[in-house]
Amino acid sequence: MKRHLALVLSVIVLGTAPLGAATVSFLVIETGLPMNGEIASSSKVWENGLLDAFFDGGHIVSNARLLRLEDDGTLKKSGALPAVVKADFDDAREGGADFFVAAFLRYAGDDHEQPQEVFLKLYDMNGILVYEFSSIGRTFANPRDEFIDAKRIASKLIPLVKR
C-alpha cells in the first residue's frame, strides 16, 4: 500500500512540475585578431562558461562554430540581428532553438590572450533583441577565473530565457 501511495504521489508531483527548459543556441564571435590565426583559448573559455551557465540553469544548449570577423564597430551598435550571424541564427531556428545568444569578444592591441570587451546579445527567435550586456577591460589571472566570470555574466541572461 505504501508503494502505491508513493507511486501515485510521485506521478502527481512530476506531472504538475513546470517544464521550463528552453533551448538556447550560442554563437561566439572574435574580433580584433588576425584573420588567419587559431581560435583564441580565451574564446573557448567564454564559450564553455556561457554554455555551462545555461546548462546549469536547466536549459538545453547548443553552439555554432566560432567566428572570426573584422572589427568594424558595427556588430555591437545595432539592436538588430547582424547580417553576418543570420545564417547561424536561421540554423538555430531550424534546429528548434527558443533563444539565440551572440557573444562578441573584441581583442585589441598586443594582448591577444584575453578580450578587451565582451558584448552579449540575447535574441528571441523572431530576431528581436531581448537583452544586451557589455563588460569592458577585465583581466584574469588564469583561465579558471575567466570561466567563472563568463558564467557569472551569463547568469544575468538566464532569468530572461523562458519557454
N, C-alpha and C. Protein backbone atom coordinates (compact mmCIF):
# COMPACT_ATOMS: atom_id res chain seq x y z
N MET A 1 0.82 -1.19 0.00
CA MET A 1 0.00 0.00 0.00
C MET A 1 0.87 1.26 0.00
N LYS A 2 1.94 1.23 0.81
CA LYS A 2 2.83 2.39 0.87
C LYS A 2 3.50 2.64 -0.49
N ARG A 3 3.85 1.56 -1.20
CA ARG A 3 4.48 1.71 -2.51
C ARG A 3 3.51 2.36 -3.50
N HIS A 4 2.26 1.94 -3.46
CA HIS A 4 1.27 2.50 -4.37
C HIS A 4 1.06 3.98 -4.09
N LEU A 5 1.00 4.32 -2.81
CA LEU A 5 0.81 5.72 -2.43
C LEU A 5 2.01 6.56 -2.87
N ALA A 6 3.21 6.02 -2.68
CA ALA A 6 4.42 6.74 -3.09
C ALA A 6 4.45 6.91 -4.61
N LEU A 7 4.03 5.89 -5.34
CA LEU A 7 4.00 5.97 -6.79
C LEU A 7 2.98 7.01 -7.25
N VAL A 8 1.80 7.01 -6.66
CA VAL A 8 0.77 7.98 -7.02
C VAL A 8 1.23 9.40 -6.71
N LEU A 9 1.81 9.61 -5.55
CA LEU A 9 2.31 10.93 -5.19
C LEU A 9 3.44 11.38 -6.14
N SER A 10 4.30 10.46 -6.50
CA SER A 10 5.38 10.80 -7.43
C SER A 10 4.83 11.23 -8.78
N VAL A 11 3.85 10.51 -9.28
CA VAL A 11 3.25 10.85 -10.57
C VAL A 11 2.57 12.21 -10.50
N ILE A 12 1.88 12.49 -9.39
CA ILE A 12 1.21 13.78 -9.23
C ILE A 12 2.23 14.92 -9.18
N VAL A 13 3.27 14.75 -8.39
CA VAL A 13 4.29 15.80 -8.26
C VAL A 13 5.01 16.02 -9.58
N LEU A 14 5.44 14.95 -10.24
CA LEU A 14 6.17 15.09 -11.50
C LEU A 14 5.25 15.59 -12.62
N GLY A 15 4.01 15.21 -12.58
CA GLY A 15 3.06 15.64 -13.61
C GLY A 15 2.69 17.10 -13.51
N THR A 16 2.78 17.69 -12.32
CA THR A 16 2.42 19.09 -12.15
C THR A 16 3.63 20.02 -12.16
N ALA A 17 4.84 19.45 -12.20
CA ALA A 17 6.05 20.29 -12.22
C ALA A 17 6.14 21.01 -13.56
N PRO A 18 6.46 22.28 -13.55
CA PRO A 18 6.57 23.01 -14.81
C PRO A 18 7.79 22.55 -15.61
N LEU A 19 7.61 22.42 -16.90
CA LEU A 19 8.72 22.04 -17.77
C LEU A 19 9.19 23.31 -18.46
N GLY A 20 10.12 24.02 -17.83
CA GLY A 20 10.52 25.33 -18.30
C GLY A 20 11.84 25.38 -19.03
N ALA A 21 12.35 24.25 -19.48
CA ALA A 21 13.63 24.28 -20.17
C ALA A 21 13.48 24.86 -21.57
N ALA A 22 14.26 25.86 -21.85
CA ALA A 22 14.28 26.45 -23.19
C ALA A 22 15.54 25.96 -23.90
N THR A 23 15.49 25.96 -25.20
CA THR A 23 16.67 25.62 -26.00
C THR A 23 17.34 26.92 -26.42
N VAL A 24 18.62 27.04 -26.06
CA VAL A 24 19.36 28.27 -26.32
C VAL A 24 20.57 27.92 -27.19
N SER A 25 20.71 28.64 -28.29
CA SER A 25 21.83 28.44 -29.20
C SER A 25 22.82 29.59 -29.05
N PHE A 26 24.10 29.29 -29.07
CA PHE A 26 25.15 30.27 -28.85
C PHE A 26 26.06 30.40 -30.06
N LEU A 27 26.50 31.62 -30.29
CA LEU A 27 27.50 31.90 -31.31
C LEU A 27 28.52 32.86 -30.72
N VAL A 28 29.78 32.45 -30.70
CA VAL A 28 30.86 33.29 -30.19
C VAL A 28 31.62 33.86 -31.39
N ILE A 29 31.81 35.18 -31.37
CA ILE A 29 32.45 35.88 -32.48
C ILE A 29 33.67 36.63 -31.96
N GLU A 30 34.84 36.32 -32.51
CA GLU A 30 36.07 37.02 -32.17
C GLU A 30 36.29 38.16 -33.15
N THR A 31 36.72 39.29 -32.64
CA THR A 31 37.12 40.39 -33.50
C THR A 31 38.45 40.94 -32.99
N GLY A 32 39.18 41.59 -33.87
CA GLY A 32 40.44 42.21 -33.49
C GLY A 32 41.64 41.29 -33.51
N LEU A 33 41.49 40.09 -34.04
CA LEU A 33 42.58 39.13 -34.15
C LEU A 33 42.92 38.93 -35.62
N PRO A 34 44.15 38.47 -35.93
CA PRO A 34 44.49 38.18 -37.32
C PRO A 34 43.50 37.17 -37.91
N MET A 35 43.05 37.43 -39.12
CA MET A 35 42.01 36.60 -39.72
C MET A 35 42.43 35.15 -39.94
N ASN A 36 43.71 34.87 -40.07
CA ASN A 36 44.16 33.51 -40.36
C ASN A 36 44.72 32.78 -39.14
N GLY A 37 44.56 33.33 -37.94
CA GLY A 37 45.11 32.70 -36.75
C GLY A 37 44.21 31.63 -36.16
N GLU A 38 44.73 30.98 -35.14
CA GLU A 38 43.95 29.96 -34.42
C GLU A 38 42.94 30.64 -33.51
N ILE A 39 41.95 29.87 -33.09
CA ILE A 39 40.95 30.36 -32.15
C ILE A 39 41.65 30.66 -30.83
N ALA A 40 41.37 31.81 -30.27
CA ALA A 40 41.98 32.20 -29.00
C ALA A 40 41.48 31.30 -27.88
N SER A 41 42.39 30.87 -27.02
CA SER A 41 41.99 30.00 -25.91
C SER A 41 40.96 30.68 -25.01
N SER A 42 41.05 31.98 -24.89
CA SER A 42 40.10 32.73 -24.08
C SER A 42 38.69 32.66 -24.67
N SER A 43 38.59 32.61 -25.98
CA SER A 43 37.28 32.50 -26.63
C SER A 43 36.62 31.17 -26.29
N LYS A 44 37.42 30.12 -26.23
CA LYS A 44 36.90 28.80 -25.84
C LYS A 44 36.44 28.81 -24.39
N VAL A 45 37.19 29.52 -23.54
CA VAL A 45 36.80 29.63 -22.12
C VAL A 45 35.45 30.32 -22.01
N TRP A 46 35.27 31.42 -22.75
CA TRP A 46 34.00 32.15 -22.71
C TRP A 46 32.86 31.29 -23.25
N GLU A 47 33.10 30.60 -24.34
CA GLU A 47 32.05 29.75 -24.91
C GLU A 47 31.63 28.68 -23.90
N ASN A 48 32.60 28.03 -23.28
CA ASN A 48 32.29 27.00 -22.28
C ASN A 48 31.57 27.57 -21.07
N GLY A 49 31.98 28.76 -20.62
CA GLY A 49 31.33 29.39 -19.47
C GLY A 49 29.88 29.74 -19.76
N LEU A 50 29.62 30.27 -20.94
CA LEU A 50 28.25 30.61 -21.33
C LEU A 50 27.38 29.36 -21.41
N LEU A 51 27.89 28.34 -22.09
CA LEU A 51 27.13 27.10 -22.23
C LEU A 51 26.87 26.45 -20.87
N ASP A 52 27.89 26.40 -20.03
CA ASP A 52 27.74 25.78 -18.71
C ASP A 52 26.71 26.50 -17.85
N ALA A 53 26.73 27.83 -17.88
CA ALA A 53 25.80 28.59 -17.05
C ALA A 53 24.35 28.28 -17.43
N PHE A 54 24.06 28.26 -18.72
CA PHE A 54 22.69 27.98 -19.16
C PHE A 54 22.33 26.52 -18.92
N PHE A 55 23.27 25.61 -19.12
CA PHE A 55 23.01 24.20 -18.85
C PHE A 55 22.73 23.99 -17.36
N ASP A 56 23.56 24.60 -16.53
CA ASP A 56 23.35 24.50 -15.07
C ASP A 56 22.03 25.14 -14.66
N GLY A 57 21.55 26.12 -15.45
CA GLY A 57 20.28 26.78 -15.19
C GLY A 57 19.08 25.97 -15.66
N GLY A 58 19.34 24.77 -16.20
CA GLY A 58 18.26 23.88 -16.60
C GLY A 58 17.81 24.00 -18.04
N HIS A 59 18.62 24.65 -18.87
CA HIS A 59 18.23 24.83 -20.27
C HIS A 59 19.01 23.89 -21.17
N ILE A 60 18.49 23.69 -22.36
CA ILE A 60 19.14 22.87 -23.38
C ILE A 60 19.98 23.83 -24.21
N VAL A 61 21.25 23.50 -24.41
CA VAL A 61 22.16 24.41 -25.09
C VAL A 61 22.76 23.77 -26.34
N SER A 62 23.08 24.62 -27.31
CA SER A 62 23.81 24.21 -28.50
C SER A 62 24.68 25.38 -28.92
N ASN A 63 25.65 25.10 -29.75
CA ASN A 63 26.50 26.19 -30.21
C ASN A 63 26.89 26.00 -31.66
N ALA A 64 27.14 27.12 -32.30
CA ALA A 64 27.65 27.12 -33.67
C ALA A 64 29.18 27.21 -33.59
N ARG A 65 29.81 27.11 -34.73
CA ARG A 65 31.27 27.24 -34.75
C ARG A 65 31.66 28.66 -34.35
N LEU A 66 32.84 28.81 -33.81
CA LEU A 66 33.34 30.15 -33.50
C LEU A 66 33.63 30.89 -34.80
N LEU A 67 33.28 32.17 -34.82
CA LEU A 67 33.55 33.01 -35.98
C LEU A 67 34.63 34.02 -35.66
N ARG A 68 35.41 34.39 -36.66
CA ARG A 68 36.35 35.49 -36.52
C ARG A 68 36.03 36.49 -37.61
N LEU A 69 35.80 37.73 -37.19
CA LEU A 69 35.40 38.77 -38.13
C LEU A 69 36.27 40.00 -37.97
N GLU A 70 36.28 40.82 -38.99
CA GLU A 70 36.93 42.12 -38.91
C GLU A 70 36.16 42.95 -37.88
N ASP A 71 36.84 43.78 -37.15
CA ASP A 71 36.19 44.62 -36.13
C ASP A 71 35.88 45.98 -36.74
N ASP A 72 34.66 46.12 -37.27
CA ASP A 72 34.30 47.40 -37.86
C ASP A 72 33.44 48.25 -36.92
N GLY A 73 33.20 47.75 -35.75
CA GLY A 73 32.47 48.51 -34.75
C GLY A 73 30.96 48.48 -34.89
N THR A 74 30.46 47.95 -35.98
CA THR A 74 29.00 47.96 -36.19
C THR A 74 28.31 46.76 -35.58
N LEU A 75 29.04 45.71 -35.26
CA LEU A 75 28.42 44.48 -34.78
C LEU A 75 27.67 44.68 -33.48
N LYS A 76 28.17 45.53 -32.62
CA LYS A 76 27.55 45.68 -31.31
C LYS A 76 26.64 46.91 -31.21
N LYS A 77 26.66 47.78 -32.20
CA LYS A 77 25.91 49.03 -32.09
C LYS A 77 24.41 48.87 -32.28
N SER A 78 24.03 48.12 -33.26
CA SER A 78 22.61 48.00 -33.60
C SER A 78 21.93 46.92 -32.77
N GLY A 79 20.67 47.14 -32.47
CA GLY A 79 19.90 46.12 -31.77
C GLY A 79 19.44 45.03 -32.71
N ALA A 80 19.45 45.33 -34.01
CA ALA A 80 19.02 44.35 -35.00
C ALA A 80 20.03 43.21 -35.09
N LEU A 81 19.56 42.08 -35.50
CA LEU A 81 20.42 40.92 -35.69
C LEU A 81 21.42 41.22 -36.80
N PRO A 82 22.73 41.17 -36.51
CA PRO A 82 23.72 41.47 -37.56
C PRO A 82 23.61 40.47 -38.72
N ALA A 83 23.72 40.96 -39.93
CA ALA A 83 23.59 40.12 -41.13
C ALA A 83 24.59 38.98 -41.12
N VAL A 84 25.76 39.21 -40.56
CA VAL A 84 26.82 38.21 -40.58
C VAL A 84 26.47 36.97 -39.74
N VAL A 85 25.55 37.08 -38.80
CA VAL A 85 25.16 35.93 -37.98
C VAL A 85 23.81 35.34 -38.41
N LYS A 86 23.23 35.88 -39.47
CA LYS A 86 21.90 35.44 -39.91
C LYS A 86 21.86 33.95 -40.24
N ALA A 87 22.87 33.43 -40.91
CA ALA A 87 22.88 32.01 -41.27
C ALA A 87 22.89 31.13 -40.02
N ASP A 88 23.70 31.50 -39.02
CA ASP A 88 23.74 30.72 -37.78
C ASP A 88 22.43 30.84 -37.02
N PHE A 89 21.83 32.03 -37.04
CA PHE A 89 20.53 32.24 -36.42
C PHE A 89 19.47 31.36 -37.09
N ASP A 90 19.46 31.34 -38.41
CA ASP A 90 18.50 30.51 -39.13
C ASP A 90 18.70 29.02 -38.84
N ASP A 91 19.95 28.59 -38.74
CA ASP A 91 20.24 27.19 -38.39
C ASP A 91 19.69 26.88 -36.99
N ALA A 92 19.86 27.80 -36.07
CA ALA A 92 19.35 27.60 -34.70
C ALA A 92 17.83 27.51 -34.71
N ARG A 93 17.19 28.36 -35.47
CA ARG A 93 15.73 28.34 -35.56
C ARG A 93 15.26 27.01 -36.13
N GLU A 94 15.88 26.57 -37.22
CA GLU A 94 15.52 25.29 -37.83
C GLU A 94 15.77 24.13 -36.88
N GLY A 95 16.74 24.28 -36.00
CA GLY A 95 17.05 23.24 -35.02
C GLY A 95 16.14 23.26 -33.80
N GLY A 96 15.22 24.21 -33.75
CA GLY A 96 14.26 24.24 -32.65
C GLY A 96 14.64 25.12 -31.48
N ALA A 97 15.61 26.00 -31.65
CA ALA A 97 16.03 26.88 -30.56
C ALA A 97 14.91 27.86 -30.21
N ASP A 98 14.85 28.21 -28.94
CA ASP A 98 13.90 29.21 -28.46
C ASP A 98 14.56 30.59 -28.36
N PHE A 99 15.88 30.59 -28.14
CA PHE A 99 16.64 31.84 -27.99
C PHE A 99 18.00 31.68 -28.64
N PHE A 100 18.60 32.82 -28.96
CA PHE A 100 19.89 32.85 -29.62
C PHE A 100 20.76 33.88 -28.91
N VAL A 101 21.96 33.49 -28.53
CA VAL A 101 22.90 34.40 -27.87
C VAL A 101 24.12 34.59 -28.78
N ALA A 102 24.39 35.84 -29.13
CA ALA A 102 25.59 36.19 -29.87
C ALA A 102 26.55 36.84 -28.88
N ALA A 103 27.73 36.27 -28.74
CA ALA A 103 28.75 36.79 -27.83
C ALA A 103 29.89 37.34 -28.68
N PHE A 104 30.09 38.65 -28.61
CA PHE A 104 31.16 39.32 -29.35
C PHE A 104 32.33 39.51 -28.40
N LEU A 105 33.48 38.93 -28.75
CA LEU A 105 34.70 39.08 -27.95
C LEU A 105 35.67 39.93 -28.76
N ARG A 106 35.90 41.15 -28.29
CA ARG A 106 36.78 42.07 -29.01
C ARG A 106 38.17 42.06 -28.38
N TYR A 107 39.12 41.60 -29.15
CA TYR A 107 40.52 41.63 -28.73
C TYR A 107 41.14 42.89 -29.30
N ALA A 108 42.03 43.52 -28.56
CA ALA A 108 42.62 44.77 -29.02
C ALA A 108 44.09 44.85 -28.61
N GLY A 109 44.83 45.66 -29.34
CA GLY A 109 46.23 45.90 -29.01
C GLY A 109 47.08 44.65 -29.18
N ASP A 110 48.13 44.59 -28.40
CA ASP A 110 49.05 43.46 -28.47
C ASP A 110 48.58 42.29 -27.62
N ASP A 111 47.62 42.52 -26.73
CA ASP A 111 47.15 41.46 -25.84
C ASP A 111 46.07 40.64 -26.56
N HIS A 112 46.48 39.51 -27.08
CA HIS A 112 45.54 38.62 -27.74
C HIS A 112 45.19 37.45 -26.84
N GLU A 113 45.55 37.55 -25.58
CA GLU A 113 45.26 36.48 -24.63
C GLU A 113 43.85 36.55 -24.08
N GLN A 114 43.37 37.76 -23.81
CA GLN A 114 42.03 37.95 -23.23
C GLN A 114 41.33 39.08 -23.97
N PRO A 115 40.01 38.93 -24.15
CA PRO A 115 39.30 40.01 -24.85
C PRO A 115 39.26 41.28 -24.02
N GLN A 116 39.34 42.41 -24.71
CA GLN A 116 39.25 43.71 -24.03
C GLN A 116 37.80 44.07 -23.76
N GLU A 117 36.88 43.48 -24.52
CA GLU A 117 35.47 43.75 -24.32
C GLU A 117 34.68 42.49 -24.67
N VAL A 118 33.67 42.22 -23.86
CA VAL A 118 32.73 41.14 -24.12
C VAL A 118 31.35 41.77 -24.22
N PHE A 119 30.68 41.47 -25.29
CA PHE A 119 29.37 42.05 -25.54
C PHE A 119 28.41 40.93 -25.87
N LEU A 120 27.37 40.73 -25.05
CA LEU A 120 26.40 39.67 -25.26
C LEU A 120 25.07 40.24 -25.72
N LYS A 121 24.45 39.57 -26.68
CA LYS A 121 23.12 39.94 -27.15
C LYS A 121 22.25 38.70 -27.13
N LEU A 122 21.10 38.82 -26.47
CA LEU A 122 20.12 37.73 -26.40
C LEU A 122 18.95 38.08 -27.31
N TYR A 123 18.66 37.19 -28.25
CA TYR A 123 17.56 37.39 -29.20
C TYR A 123 16.51 36.30 -29.02
N ASP A 124 15.24 36.65 -29.25
CA ASP A 124 14.23 35.61 -29.37
C ASP A 124 14.30 35.12 -30.82
N MET A 125 13.51 34.12 -31.16
CA MET A 125 13.64 33.53 -32.49
C MET A 125 12.88 34.29 -33.57
N ASN A 126 12.35 35.45 -33.21
CA ASN A 126 11.83 36.38 -34.21
C ASN A 126 12.90 37.41 -34.58
N GLY A 127 14.09 37.28 -33.99
CA GLY A 127 15.19 38.21 -34.25
C GLY A 127 15.09 39.48 -33.45
N ILE A 128 14.25 39.50 -32.43
CA ILE A 128 14.07 40.67 -31.57
C ILE A 128 15.09 40.63 -30.44
N LEU A 129 15.80 41.72 -30.25
CA LEU A 129 16.77 41.83 -29.17
C LEU A 129 16.03 41.88 -27.84
N VAL A 130 16.32 40.91 -26.97
CA VAL A 130 15.68 40.83 -25.66
C VAL A 130 16.52 41.54 -24.61
N TYR A 131 17.85 41.39 -24.70
CA TYR A 131 18.74 41.95 -23.69
C TYR A 131 20.15 42.02 -24.26
N GLU A 132 20.91 43.02 -23.81
CA GLU A 132 22.31 43.09 -24.17
C GLU A 132 23.13 43.49 -22.95
N PHE A 133 24.37 43.04 -22.94
CA PHE A 133 25.25 43.29 -21.81
C PHE A 133 26.67 43.49 -22.33
N SER A 134 27.38 44.43 -21.72
CA SER A 134 28.76 44.69 -22.11
C SER A 134 29.66 44.70 -20.89
N SER A 135 30.82 44.11 -21.03
CA SER A 135 31.84 44.10 -19.98
C SER A 135 33.15 44.53 -20.61
N ILE A 136 33.76 45.58 -20.08
CA ILE A 136 34.96 46.15 -20.69
C ILE A 136 36.15 46.09 -19.74
N GLY A 137 37.31 45.75 -20.33
CA GLY A 137 38.58 45.90 -19.64
C GLY A 137 38.85 44.99 -18.45
N ARG A 138 38.35 43.79 -18.47
CA ARG A 138 38.63 42.87 -17.37
C ARG A 138 39.85 42.02 -17.72
N THR A 139 40.67 41.78 -16.72
CA THR A 139 41.80 40.87 -16.91
C THR A 139 41.72 39.80 -15.83
N PHE A 140 42.24 38.63 -16.16
CA PHE A 140 42.12 37.49 -15.25
C PHE A 140 43.48 36.85 -15.05
N ALA A 141 43.70 36.37 -13.84
CA ALA A 141 44.98 35.75 -13.52
C ALA A 141 45.14 34.39 -14.18
N ASN A 142 44.01 33.71 -14.42
CA ASN A 142 44.06 32.37 -15.01
C ASN A 142 42.74 32.05 -15.71
N PRO A 143 42.72 31.01 -16.54
CA PRO A 143 41.50 30.66 -17.27
C PRO A 143 40.33 30.30 -16.36
N ARG A 144 40.61 29.75 -15.20
CA ARG A 144 39.53 29.37 -14.28
C ARG A 144 38.77 30.62 -13.81
N ASP A 145 39.48 31.68 -13.46
CA ASP A 145 38.82 32.92 -13.05
C ASP A 145 37.99 33.51 -14.19
N GLU A 146 38.53 33.41 -15.40
CA GLU A 146 37.81 33.92 -16.57
C GLU A 146 36.55 33.09 -16.82
N PHE A 147 36.64 31.78 -16.65
CA PHE A 147 35.50 30.88 -16.80
C PHE A 147 34.40 31.22 -15.79
N ILE A 148 34.79 31.45 -14.56
CA ILE A 148 33.83 31.81 -13.51
C ILE A 148 33.16 33.13 -13.84
N ASP A 149 33.91 34.09 -14.36
CA ASP A 149 33.33 35.38 -14.74
C ASP A 149 32.37 35.22 -15.91
N ALA A 150 32.71 34.38 -16.87
CA ALA A 150 31.81 34.13 -18.01
C ALA A 150 30.50 33.55 -17.52
N LYS A 151 30.56 32.61 -16.58
CA LYS A 151 29.33 32.03 -16.03
C LYS A 151 28.53 33.07 -15.26
N ARG A 152 29.22 33.94 -14.54
CA ARG A 152 28.54 34.99 -13.77
C ARG A 152 27.81 35.95 -14.71
N ILE A 153 28.47 36.33 -15.77
CA ILE A 153 27.86 37.24 -16.74
C ILE A 153 26.68 36.56 -17.43
N ALA A 154 26.85 35.31 -17.81
CA ALA A 154 25.76 34.58 -18.47
C ALA A 154 24.56 34.44 -17.55
N SER A 155 24.79 34.36 -16.26
CA SER A 155 23.67 34.20 -15.31
C SER A 155 22.73 35.40 -15.33
N LYS A 156 23.20 36.54 -15.83
CA LYS A 156 22.34 37.72 -15.95
C LYS A 156 21.27 37.52 -17.02
N LEU A 157 21.56 36.66 -18.00
CA LEU A 157 20.63 36.42 -19.09
C LEU A 157 19.62 35.32 -18.77
N ILE A 158 19.98 34.40 -17.90
CA ILE A 158 19.16 33.22 -17.65
C ILE A 158 17.73 33.55 -17.22
N PRO A 159 17.50 34.50 -16.33
CA PRO A 159 16.11 34.78 -15.96
C PRO A 159 15.24 35.30 -17.11
N LEU A 160 15.86 35.78 -18.16
CA LEU A 160 15.12 36.30 -19.32
C LEU A 160 14.72 35.20 -20.30
N VAL A 161 15.27 34.01 -20.12
CA VAL A 161 15.00 32.90 -21.00
C VAL A 161 13.88 32.06 -20.41
N LYS A 162 12.70 32.22 -20.99
CA LYS A 162 11.53 31.49 -20.51
C LYS A 162 10.88 30.80 -21.67
N ARG A 163 10.52 29.59 -21.47
CA ARG A 163 9.86 28.79 -22.52
C ARG A 163 8.45 29.24 -22.73
